[in-house]
Amino acid sequence: MTSNQVTYYQSPETRGGCDRYYHRAYNPHYLLDIGIPANAPKGWIGHASTKVGQADMTDEEIAQYKKGWLEETERKDWGRMDDDSVDEDSDEDSMDEFNREGEEEE
């Protein structure tokens, strides 16, 4: 499946940006739009999606996720007052994972 055939609910780039904004680890994925589920109740107003992980992504989709993750400069402010409530190492751990990503290919 190529990316131009995909109907995204949230694209790889969008998911990368969201993950970085919300302090989540670097983890390439995206969400496919699967429409209204067959078992949805009458009058259901909502949306259904399914997650596609890195193992099922193309190199282009992984590059899009990486682009979104790298270009997100804002971070969610959870409004916590104490310095111990935010895990400062989580972004560093994610960058370590990001930097290791291409090592197996070399």
Protein backbone atom coordinates (compact mmCIF):
# COMPACT_ATOMS: atom_id res chain seq x y z
CA MET A 1 0.00 0.00 0.00
CA THR A 2 1.49 3.35 -0.96
CA SER A 3 0.81 6.51 1.00
CA ASN A 4 -1.16 8.12 -1.85
CA GLN A 5 -3.75 5.32 -1.51
CA VAL A 6 -4.17 5.78 2.23
CA THR A 7 -7.13 7.58 3.75
CA TYR A 8 -5.63 8.98 6.92
CA TYR A 9 -7.52 9.88 10.03
CA GLN A 10 -4.23 11.30 11.29
CA SER A 11 -1.19 11.23 9.03
CA PRO A 12 2.28 10.08 10.12
CA GLU A 13 3.42 13.71 10.24
CA THR A 14 0.45 14.71 12.40
CA ARG A 15 1.04 11.80 14.78
CA GLY A 16 4.75 12.66 15.07
CA GLY A 17 3.93 16.23 15.99
CA CYS A 18 1.28 15.12 18.49
CA ASP A 19 3.63 12.65 20.16
CA ARG A 20 6.34 15.27 20.61
CA TYR A 21 3.88 17.93 21.80
CA TYR A 22 2.45 15.62 24.46
CA HIS A 23 5.92 14.45 25.61
CA ARG A 24 5.44 10.94 24.23
CA ALA A 25 8.32 8.81 22.97
CA TYR A 26 9.41 8.67 19.34
CA ASN A 27 7.27 5.83 17.99
CA PRO A 28 6.40 5.99 14.26
CA HIS A 29 2.74 5.23 13.54
CA TYR A 30 -0.37 6.77 12.03
CA LEU A 31 -4.13 6.30 12.16
CA LEU A 32 -6.21 5.06 9.25
CA ASP A 33 -9.74 6.29 8.70
CA ILE A 34 -11.97 3.22 8.74
CA GLY A 35 -15.24 5.15 8.58
CA ILE A 36 -18.32 4.30 10.56
CA PRO A 37 -18.12 0.81 12.06
CA ALA A 38 -20.75 -1.69 10.90
CA ASN A 39 -21.88 -2.23 14.49
CA ALA A 40 -22.28 1.48 15.26
CA PRO A 41 -25.59 2.34 16.93
CA LYS A 42 -28.21 4.24 14.94
CA GLY A 43 -27.45 7.96 14.98
CA TRP A 44 -23.84 7.38 16.05
CA ILE A 45 -21.79 10.49 15.56
CA GLY A 46 -18.15 9.72 15.83
CA HIS A 47 -15.17 8.46 14.03
CA ALA A 48 -13.34 5.17 13.89
CA SER A 49 -9.68 4.66 13.16
CA THR A 50 -7.08 1.97 13.40
CA LYS A 51 -3.41 2.34 14.31
CA VAL A 52 -0.70 1.34 11.83
CA GLY A 53 2.69 0.73 13.49
CA GLN A 54 6.22 1.17 12.21
CA ALA A 55 6.52 -2.43 11.02
CA ASP A 56 3.74 -1.79 8.49
CA MET A 57 4.87 1.69 7.40
CA THR A 58 6.74 2.64 4.25
CA ASP A 59 10.07 4.48 4.45
CA GLU A 60 8.22 7.60 3.24
CA GLU A 61 5.64 7.34 6.03
CA ILE A 62 8.38 6.90 8.65
CA ALA A 63 10.14 9.98 7.22
CA GLN A 64 6.86 11.91 7.50
CA TYR A 65 6.47 10.89 11.15
CA LYS A 66 10.08 11.90 11.85
CA LYS A 67 9.50 15.26 10.15
CA GLY A 68 6.43 15.94 12.31
CA TRP A 69 8.28 14.85 15.46
CA LEU A 70 11.33 17.02 14.74
CA GLU A 71 9.42 20.11 13.63
CA GLU A 72 7.12 20.28 16.67
CA THR A 73 8.63 23.00 18.83
CA GLU A 74 5.80 23.45 21.34
CA ARG A 75 5.30 21.18 24.35
CA LYS A 76 2.12 20.63 26.33
CA ASP A 77 2.21 22.53 29.61
CA TRP A 78 0.43 20.27 32.05
CA GLY A 79 0.24 23.12 34.57
CA ARG A 80 2.16 21.33 37.29
CA MET A 81 3.82 23.47 39.89
CA ASP A 82 6.47 21.13 41.29
CA ASP A 83 9.67 20.49 39.37
CA ASP A 84 9.59 16.74 40.13
CA SER A 85 6.31 16.19 38.28
CA VAL A 86 7.79 16.43 34.79
CA ASP A 87 10.06 13.70 33.50
CA GLU A 88 12.83 15.72 31.87
CA ASP A 89 14.59 12.53 30.74
CA SER A 90 11.68 11.36 28.58
CA ASP A 91 12.54 13.72 25.71
CA GLU A 92 16.22 12.71 25.93
CA ASP A 93 15.24 9.01 25.87
CA SER A 94 13.11 9.66 22.79
CA MET A 95 16.00 11.42 21.08
CA ASP A 96 18.22 8.40 21.85
CA GLU A 97 15.64 6.15 20.17
CA PHE A 98 15.39 8.59 17.25
CA ASN A 99 19.18 8.63 16.83
CA ARG A 100 19.39 4.80 16.94
CA GLU A 101 16.68 4.35 14.31
CA GLY A 102 18.95 4.15 11.28
CA GLU A 103 21.83 2.25 12.88
CA GLU A 104 20.71 -1.20 11.71
CA GLU A 105 20.61 -0.05 8.08
CA GLU A 106 24.26 1.05 8.01
